[in-house]
């Protein structure tokens, strides 16, 4: 099955769900990412690892890592919808467009097609954010994230850099690519625009960016350096190392100091910033394995922690925070340990910044575990079903911590 067909199904189902479903059946929007994840499993797999921003072969197929990311993200998005206290059917359009764009971006090796797919996803997200909560935060998100996609579009005519791997051109292309990746992952400026939307929007409006788009951009960024950029590789790597570590420290500190409602978003952004800093700025191989462990852990726990504290799941939330704390044998312990090992192979400054960020995240998770939220009483099996789903997700999270490399190899093939 061609990934283009999978993307078309994402888009068609999203538009259909928004047009047909009503308030009583709104939770059926979860069918969109669920079907998308199922069809991705059947999609044609390319014989070689894809390099999305280094070739000119349009949609070549999904490699094992790309397939694993899209399947895990689709399932996580479906569970986010199912565990939300209420669902707005209009979010189906956004989920459909972002899911389709993520599929095309991950399967394509054409730099322009990849950039345009990400542009379509960001434009759809920003229009929804501004429509839901017009203000400085959502306008800033549109401005910064939009600038990032435009930087990727501007870099695409120069790719591949065949015969031009030295001189000024690779440096300019590397700077454009680093700008695009940093903006889309919200590691520039220090996670500011993402923190703004997390504080002003409902979790369900943020979820398509956090669950569907960020893991895809992270994997695409990992495939950019090497022979693709030539002399520009050090620029790309050093820029993302510096802004990634700075954003990780900033996000970790504000996760501990800021309001509880924004805590999970801050921790997520700090972990993603650590991932991009280690994957791009460290030459040691454990970095990508650690990043994949953290990604699959967040995709597993996001449906629980993106649900309002007042909507129940008190004890599942506490266990989920414990799994994010980094205390062994939680999965985040292994993921952050591998990232730290990769960064420690570079320089002392990177190691110190990473340790500060990880310590701040630990403090934030301990504070979240000890919080005493007022929880409304839950009655009936309809109220107990989300709790059962949450405990099943936590069981998966515990399994990741007990066998992290086996689980990531099963999901991502590496």
Protein backbone atom coordinates (compact mmCIF):
# COMPACT_ATOMS: atom_id res chain seq x y z
CA UNK A 1 0.00 0.00 0.00
CA UNK A 2 1.43 3.34 -1.05
CA UNK A 3 2.02 5.95 1.71
CA UNK A 4 0.30 8.52 -0.52
CA UNK A 5 -2.89 6.48 -0.24
CA UNK A 6 -2.48 6.33 3.55
CA UNK A 7 -2.11 10.12 3.64
CA UNK A 8 -5.23 10.51 1.49
CA UNK A 9 -7.19 8.32 3.93
CA UNK A 10 -5.99 10.43 6.88
CA UNK A 11 -7.20 13.57 5.11
CA UNK A 12 -10.52 12.14 3.90
CA UNK A 13 -11.44 10.64 7.27
CA UNK A 14 -10.54 13.85 9.09
CA UNK A 15 -12.73 15.98 6.84
CA UNK A 16 -15.55 13.43 6.97
CA UNK A 17 -15.44 13.18 10.77
CA UNK A 18 -15.69 16.94 11.19
CA UNK A 19 -18.60 17.15 8.74
CA UNK A 20 -20.65 14.16 9.91
CA UNK A 21 -20.08 13.68 13.64
CA UNK A 22 -22.04 15.56 16.27
CA UNK A 23 -21.56 16.19 19.97
CA UNK A 24 -22.96 12.81 21.07
CA UNK A 25 -20.69 10.91 18.68
CA UNK A 26 -17.70 13.26 18.88
CA UNK A 27 -15.43 10.66 20.44
CA UNK A 28 -15.58 8.68 17.19
CA UNK A 29 -13.03 11.18 15.85
CA UNK A 30 -10.53 8.71 17.35
CA UNK A 31 -11.24 6.48 14.35
CA UNK A 32 -9.21 8.88 12.17
CA UNK A 33 -5.78 8.28 13.81
CA UNK A 34 -6.68 4.67 14.58
CA UNK A 35 -7.34 3.85 10.92
CA UNK A 36 -4.30 5.90 9.91
CA UNK A 37 -2.08 3.86 12.23
CA UNK A 38 -3.58 0.60 10.95
CA UNK A 39 -3.04 1.47 7.30
CA UNK A 40 0.51 2.62 8.02
CA UNK A 41 1.29 -0.92 9.16
CA UNK A 42 0.23 -2.11 5.70
CA UNK A 43 2.12 0.60 3.81
CA UNK A 44 4.94 -0.36 1.47
CA UNK A 45 8.31 -0.29 3.17
CA UNK A 46 11.28 1.06 1.24
CA UNK A 47 14.25 -1.23 0.75
CA UNK A 48 16.67 1.45 1.97
CA UNK A 49 16.51 3.96 4.80
CA UNK A 50 14.88 7.16 3.59
CA UNK A 51 16.69 10.48 3.75
CA UNK A 52 13.79 12.93 3.50
CA UNK A 53 15.82 16.05 2.75
CA UNK A 54 18.57 14.57 0.64
CA UNK A 55 17.04 13.06 -2.49
CA UNK A 56 14.63 13.71 -5.33
CA UNK A 57 12.48 10.60 -5.52
CA UNK A 58 9.14 12.00 -4.27
CA UNK A 59 7.46 9.32 -2.09
CA UNK A 60 9.79 6.34 -1.88
CA UNK A 61 8.07 4.48 0.96
CA UNK A 62 8.44 4.28 4.71
CA UNK A 63 11.44 2.74 6.38
CA UNK A 64 11.01 0.77 9.61
CA UNK A 65 11.74 3.72 11.90
CA UNK A 66 9.34 6.02 10.05
CA UNK A 67 6.64 3.37 10.07
CA UNK A 68 7.09 2.80 13.81
CA UNK A 69 6.89 6.53 14.58
CA UNK A 70 3.70 7.02 12.56
CA UNK A 71 1.98 3.95 14.01
CA UNK A 72 2.90 4.85 17.61
CA UNK A 73 1.89 8.49 17.08
CA UNK A 74 -1.45 7.49 15.53
CA UNK A 75 -2.30 5.15 18.39
CA UNK A 76 -1.28 7.78 20.93
CA UNK A 77 -3.45 10.41 19.22
CA UNK A 78 -6.44 8.04 19.27
CA UNK A 79 -5.97 7.42 23.00
CA UNK A 80 -5.63 11.16 23.68
CA UNK A 81 -9.05 11.61 22.07
CA UNK A 82 -10.60 8.70 23.95
CA UNK A 83 -9.34 9.87 27.34
CA UNK A 84 -10.39 13.51 26.99
CA UNK A 85 -13.47 14.50 29.07
CA UNK A 86 -14.98 16.19 26.00
CA UNK A 87 -14.11 16.30 22.30
CA UNK A 88 -14.74 19.02 19.72
CA UNK A 89 -15.52 17.34 16.38
CA UNK A 90 -13.85 20.15 14.43
CA UNK A 91 -10.48 18.87 15.63
CA UNK A 92 -10.95 15.98 13.20
CA UNK A 93 -9.99 18.27 10.29
CA UNK A 94 -6.77 19.27 12.00
CA UNK A 95 -5.87 15.69 12.91
CA UNK A 96 -6.57 14.53 9.35
CA UNK A 97 -4.40 17.20 7.72
CA UNK A 98 -1.53 16.86 10.22
CA UNK A 99 -1.60 13.05 10.00
CA UNK A 100 -1.57 13.16 6.20
CA UNK A 101 1.25 15.72 6.17
CA UNK A 102 3.29 13.69 8.66
CA UNK A 103 2.91 10.57 6.51
CA UNK A 104 3.98 12.38 3.33
CA UNK A 105 6.92 14.09 5.08
CA UNK A 106 8.18 10.84 6.56
CA UNK A 107 7.83 8.85 3.32
CA UNK A 108 9.20 11.48 0.93
CA UNK A 109 12.83 11.95 -0.02
CA UNK A 110 12.08 15.07 -2.04
CA UNK A 111 13.14 18.11 0.03
CA UNK A 112 10.50 20.43 -1.44
CA UNK A 113 7.66 17.95 -0.93
CA UNK A 114 8.76 17.35 2.65
CA UNK A 115 8.91 21.10 3.36
CA UNK A 116 5.51 21.72 1.75
CA UNK A 117 3.91 18.87 3.72
CA UNK A 118 5.22 20.33 6.98
CA UNK A 119 4.03 23.78 5.89
CA UNK A 120 0.50 22.45 5.33
CA UNK A 121 0.51 20.85 8.80
CA UNK A 122 1.75 23.99 10.54
CA UNK A 123 -0.66 26.26 8.65
CA UNK A 124 -3.61 24.06 9.65
CA UNK A 125 -2.51 23.97 13.29
CA UNK A 126 -1.92 27.72 13.48
CA UNK A 127 -5.28 28.57 11.93
CA UNK A 128 -7.01 26.40 14.50
CA UNK A 129 -4.98 27.84 17.38
CA UNK A 130 -5.71 31.43 16.38
CA UNK A 131 -9.38 30.60 15.83
CA UNK A 132 -9.66 28.97 19.26
CA UNK A 133 -7.72 31.58 21.21
CA UNK A 134 -6.69 34.69 19.26
CA UNK A 135 -3.93 36.48 21.09
CA UNK A 136 -0.23 37.12 21.41
CA UNK A 137 0.69 33.50 22.20
CA UNK A 138 -1.03 31.92 19.20
CA UNK A 139 0.15 34.68 16.85
CA UNK A 140 3.72 34.12 18.06
CA UNK A 141 3.32 30.39 17.44
CA UNK A 142 2.20 31.05 13.89
CA UNK A 143 5.00 33.52 13.28
CA UNK A 144 7.85 31.32 14.59
CA UNK A 145 6.61 27.95 13.34
CA UNK A 146 5.67 29.49 9.99
CA UNK A 147 9.15 30.98 9.68
CA UNK A 148 10.55 27.51 10.31
CA UNK A 149 8.62 25.92 7.47
CA UNK A 150 9.55 28.78 5.14
CA UNK A 151 13.21 28.20 6.00
CA UNK A 152 12.83 24.54 5.00
CA UNK A 153 11.15 25.57 1.74
CA UNK A 154 13.95 28.06 1.06
CA UNK A 155 16.60 25.35 1.60
CA UNK A 156 14.90 22.79 -0.66
CA UNK A 157 16.04 24.21 -4.07
CA UNK A 158 19.67 23.73 -3.00
CA UNK A 159 19.21 20.06 -2.09
CA UNK A 160 20.84 17.70 -2.86
CA UNK A 161 24.17 19.54 -2.67
CA UNK A 162 25.80 17.40 -5.36
CA UNK A 163 29.08 19.01 -6.33
CA UNK A 164 28.57 21.88 -3.86
CA UNK A 165 29.58 20.32 -0.54
CA UNK A 166 32.21 22.99 0.12
CA UNK A 167 32.06 26.77 0.25
CA UNK A 168 29.30 29.14 1.34
CA UNK A 169 26.29 27.30 -0.11
CA UNK A 170 26.35 24.35 2.35
CA UNK A 171 26.65 26.77 5.28
CA UNK A 172 23.62 28.79 4.15
CA UNK A 173 21.57 25.62 3.57
CA UNK A 174 22.61 24.25 6.97
CA UNK A 175 21.58 27.49 8.68
CA UNK A 176 18.18 27.39 6.96
CA UNK A 177 17.62 23.74 7.91
CA UNK A 178 18.66 24.35 11.52
CA UNK A 179 16.26 27.31 11.70
CA UNK A 180 13.42 25.19 10.36
CA UNK A 181 13.99 22.25 12.68
CA UNK A 182 14.51 24.44 15.76
CA UNK A 183 11.33 26.41 15.06
CA UNK A 184 9.13 23.36 14.42
CA UNK A 185 10.37 21.58 17.55
CA UNK A 186 10.00 24.78 19.62
CA UNK A 187 13.60 24.68 20.80
CA UNK A 188 13.80 28.23 19.50
CA UNK A 189 13.27 30.61 21.15
CA UNK A 190 13.82 28.46 24.26
CA UNK A 191 10.48 26.71 23.83
CA UNK A 192 8.68 30.04 24.10
CA UNK A 193 6.02 29.72 21.42
CA UNK A 194 5.00 26.18 22.45
CA UNK A 195 4.81 27.22 26.10
CA UNK A 196 2.47 30.01 25.08
CA UNK A 197 -0.02 27.75 23.30
CA UNK A 198 0.10 25.15 26.08
CA UNK A 199 -0.93 27.85 28.53
CA UNK A 200 -3.70 29.30 26.39
CA UNK A 201 -5.24 26.31 24.56
CA UNK A 202 -6.98 23.10 25.53
CA UNK A 203 -4.78 19.96 25.54
CA UNK A 204 -6.71 18.50 22.61
CA UNK A 205 -5.75 21.49 20.43
CA UNK A 206 -2.07 21.08 21.30
CA UNK A 207 -2.03 17.27 20.88
CA UNK A 208 -1.75 17.14 17.04
CA UNK A 209 1.50 19.14 17.22
CA UNK A 210 2.86 17.38 20.29
CA UNK A 211 1.90 13.80 19.39
CA UNK A 212 1.81 13.69 15.58
CA UNK A 213 4.21 16.33 14.29
CA UNK A 214 7.09 16.59 16.77
CA UNK A 215 8.23 12.91 16.56
CA UNK A 216 8.21 13.11 12.75
CA UNK A 217 10.29 16.31 12.65
CA UNK A 218 12.74 14.80 15.15
CA UNK A 219 13.31 11.75 12.94
CA UNK A 220 13.61 13.87 9.79
CA UNK A 221 16.19 16.10 11.50
CA UNK A 222 18.28 13.05 12.40
CA UNK A 223 18.54 12.16 8.71
CA UNK A 224 19.75 15.55 7.48
CA UNK A 225 23.47 15.66 8.42
CA UNK A 226 26.31 13.63 6.94
CA UNK A 227 26.94 13.67 3.22
CA UNK A 228 23.84 15.76 2.59
CA UNK A 229 25.31 19.01 3.93
CA UNK A 230 29.06 18.62 3.48
CA UNK A 231 30.86 21.57 5.08
CA UNK A 232 27.54 22.79 6.46
CA UNK A 233 27.13 19.80 8.81
CA UNK A 234 29.08 21.41 11.71
CA UNK A 235 26.88 24.53 11.50
CA UNK A 236 23.68 22.47 11.56
CA UNK A 237 24.90 20.31 14.44
CA UNK A 238 26.35 23.10 16.60
CA UNK A 239 23.31 25.37 16.24
CA UNK A 240 20.91 22.61 17.31
CA UNK A 241 23.25 21.54 20.11
CA UNK A 242 23.35 25.03 21.62
CA UNK A 243 19.67 25.92 21.23
CA UNK A 244 18.63 22.39 22.24
CA UNK A 245 20.58 22.43 25.49
CA UNK A 246 19.47 25.98 26.25
CA UNK A 247 15.83 25.07 25.69
CA UNK A 248 16.20 21.89 27.78
CA UNK A 249 17.57 23.83 30.75
CA UNK A 250 14.95 26.57 30.38
CA UNK A 251 12.11 24.07 30.00
CA UNK A 252 13.27 21.98 32.96
CA UNK A 253 13.54 24.98 35.28
CA UNK A 254 10.12 26.32 34.30
CA UNK A 255 8.59 22.86 34.61
CA UNK A 256 9.59 22.98 38.28
CA UNK A 257 8.75 26.66 38.86
CA UNK A 258 5.74 27.18 36.59
CA UNK A 259 2.04 26.35 37.02
CA UNK A 260 1.03 22.72 37.30
CA UNK A 261 -1.27 22.86 34.27
CA UNK A 262 1.74 23.54 32.01
CA UNK A 263 4.09 21.10 33.70
CA UNK A 264 3.74 18.18 31.30
CA UNK A 265 4.18 20.41 28.26
CA UNK A 266 7.35 21.89 29.74
CA UNK A 267 8.76 18.44 30.57
CA UNK A 268 7.93 17.20 27.07
CA UNK A 269 9.65 20.17 25.46
CA UNK A 270 12.70 19.75 27.70
CA UNK A 271 13.01 16.08 26.73
CA UNK A 272 12.63 16.84 23.01
CA UNK A 273 15.25 19.58 23.32
CA UNK A 274 17.64 17.10 24.95
CA UNK A 275 16.94 14.64 22.15
CA UNK A 276 17.67 17.07 19.32
CA UNK A 277 20.78 18.39 21.10
CA UNK A 278 22.23 14.90 21.61
CA UNK A 279 21.20 13.45 18.25
CA UNK A 280 22.59 16.37 16.23
CA UNK A 281 25.38 17.61 18.46
CA UNK A 282 26.91 14.31 19.56
CA UNK A 283 28.64 11.80 17.33
CA UNK A 284 28.08 8.93 19.75
CA UNK A 285 25.62 6.28 18.53
CA UNK A 286 23.56 5.87 21.77
CA UNK A 287 21.91 9.26 21.19
CA UNK A 288 19.31 8.05 18.68
CA UNK A 289 18.44 5.01 20.77
CA UNK A 290 17.91 7.23 23.81
CA UNK A 291 15.78 9.64 21.77
CA UNK A 292 13.57 6.81 20.51
CA UNK A 293 13.07 5.51 24.05
CA UNK A 294 11.99 8.97 25.22
CA UNK A 295 9.69 9.44 22.21
CA UNK A 296 7.86 6.13 22.68
CA UNK A 297 7.58 6.81 26.44
CA UNK A 298 5.96 10.20 25.88
CA UNK A 299 3.64 8.78 23.22
CA UNK A 300 2.58 6.17 25.77
CA UNK A 301 2.03 8.61 28.66
CA UNK A 302 0.72 11.68 26.81
CA UNK A 303 -2.91 10.42 26.74
CA UNK A 304 -2.87 10.31 30.56
CA UNK A 305 -0.98 13.50 31.32
CA UNK A 306 -2.79 15.63 28.73
CA UNK A 307 -6.07 14.94 30.54
CA UNK A 308 -7.16 17.56 33.08
CA UNK A 309 -6.26 16.82 36.69
CA UNK A 310 -9.85 17.48 37.78
CA UNK A 311 -11.13 14.81 35.35
CA UNK A 312 -9.89 11.90 37.45
CA UNK A 313 -7.03 9.40 37.00
CA UNK A 314 -5.25 10.66 40.11
CA UNK A 315 -3.18 7.56 40.78
CA UNK A 316 -2.48 6.73 37.11
CA UNK A 317 -1.20 10.31 36.73
CA UNK A 318 1.12 9.88 39.69
CA UNK A 319 2.52 6.64 38.29
CA UNK A 320 2.93 8.30 34.88
CA UNK A 321 4.92 11.12 36.47
CA UNK A 322 7.05 8.54 38.25
CA UNK A 323 7.83 6.95 34.88
CA UNK A 324 8.93 10.37 33.60
CA UNK A 325 11.08 11.11 36.65
CA UNK A 326 14.19 9.32 35.40
CA UNK A 327 14.46 7.11 38.48
CA UNK A 328 15.48 3.57 37.47
CA UNK A 329 14.03 1.39 36.11
CA UNK A 330 11.71 3.96 34.52
CA UNK A 331 12.08 4.18 30.72
CA UNK A 332 13.15 7.82 30.90
CA UNK A 333 16.12 6.78 33.05
CA UNK A 334 17.52 4.69 30.19
CA UNK A 335 16.64 7.27 27.54
CA UNK A 336 18.24 10.20 29.35
CA UNK A 337 21.24 8.07 30.36
CA UNK A 338 21.96 7.30 26.70
CA UNK A 339 21.55 10.97 25.77
CA UNK A 340 23.89 11.98 28.59
CA UNK A 341 26.43 9.37 27.48
CA UNK A 342 26.35 10.78 23.95
CA UNK A 343 26.69 14.39 25.14
CA UNK A 344 29.47 13.50 27.58
CA UNK A 345 31.54 12.32 24.63
CA UNK A 346 31.55 15.91 23.37
CA UNK A 347 32.53 18.55 25.94
CA UNK A 348 32.09 19.33 29.62
CA UNK A 349 29.75 22.26 28.99
CA UNK A 350 27.22 20.05 27.20
CA UNK A 351 27.34 17.52 30.01
CA UNK A 352 26.77 20.15 32.70
CA UNK A 353 23.83 21.69 30.84
CA UNK A 354 22.25 18.27 30.30
CA UNK A 355 22.64 17.35 33.99
CA UNK A 356 20.99 20.64 35.05
CA UNK A 357 18.09 20.02 32.67
CA UNK A 358 17.62 16.43 33.85
CA UNK A 359 17.79 17.45 37.51
CA UNK A 360 15.16 20.14 36.92
CA UNK A 361 12.90 17.62 35.19
CA UNK A 362 13.29 15.28 38.16
CA UNK A 363 12.26 18.03 40.59
CA UNK A 364 9.25 18.89 38.42
CA UNK A 365 8.08 15.27 38.29
CA UNK A 366 8.45 14.86 42.06
CA UNK A 367 6.34 18.00 42.58
CA UNK A 368 3.72 16.62 40.19
CA UNK A 369 3.64 13.26 42.00
CA UNK A 370 3.04 14.97 45.34
CA UNK A 371 0.37 17.39 44.13
CA UNK A 372 -3.08 17.08 45.75
CA UNK A 373 -5.53 17.89 43.01
CA UNK A 374 -9.25 18.10 43.69
CA UNK A 375 -10.77 15.23 41.70
CA UNK A 376 -14.47 14.94 40.94
CA UNK A 377 -16.08 11.61 41.92
CA UNK A 378 -16.46 9.08 39.11
CA UNK A 379 -19.45 6.76 38.86
CA UNK A 380 -20.46 3.98 36.50
CA UNK A 381 -18.47 1.88 34.07
CA UNK A 382 -18.21 4.79 31.63
CA UNK A 383 -16.22 6.66 34.27
CA UNK A 384 -14.07 3.64 35.10
CA UNK A 385 -13.15 2.82 31.49
CA UNK A 386 -10.61 5.69 31.13
CA UNK A 387 -8.92 4.50 34.32
CA UNK A 388 -8.61 0.96 32.93
CA UNK A 389 -7.11 2.29 29.69
CA UNK A 390 -4.70 4.46 31.69
CA UNK A 391 -3.46 1.50 33.72
CA UNK A 392 -2.92 -0.51 30.53
CA UNK A 393 -0.83 2.35 29.13
CA UNK A 394 1.18 2.45 32.35
CA UNK A 395 1.82 -1.28 32.04
CA UNK A 396 3.30 -0.63 28.59
CA UNK A 397 5.42 2.18 30.07
CA UNK A 398 6.73 -0.13 32.77
CA UNK A 399 7.53 -2.75 30.12
CA UNK A 400 9.54 -0.14 28.19
CA UNK A 401 11.55 0.55 31.35
CA UNK A 402 12.25 -3.15 31.94
CA UNK A 403 13.29 -3.87 28.36
CA UNK A 404 13.94 -0.51 26.64
CA UNK A 405 16.07 -1.69 23.72
CA UNK A 406 13.83 -4.65 22.96
CA UNK A 407 10.72 -2.44 22.88
CA UNK A 408 12.33 0.24 20.70
CA UNK A 409 13.64 -2.45 18.34
CA UNK A 410 10.12 -3.88 18.14
CA UNK A 411 8.55 -0.47 17.38
CA UNK A 412 11.26 1.25 15.34
CA UNK A 413 13.41 -1.62 14.14
CA UNK A 414 16.52 -0.07 15.74
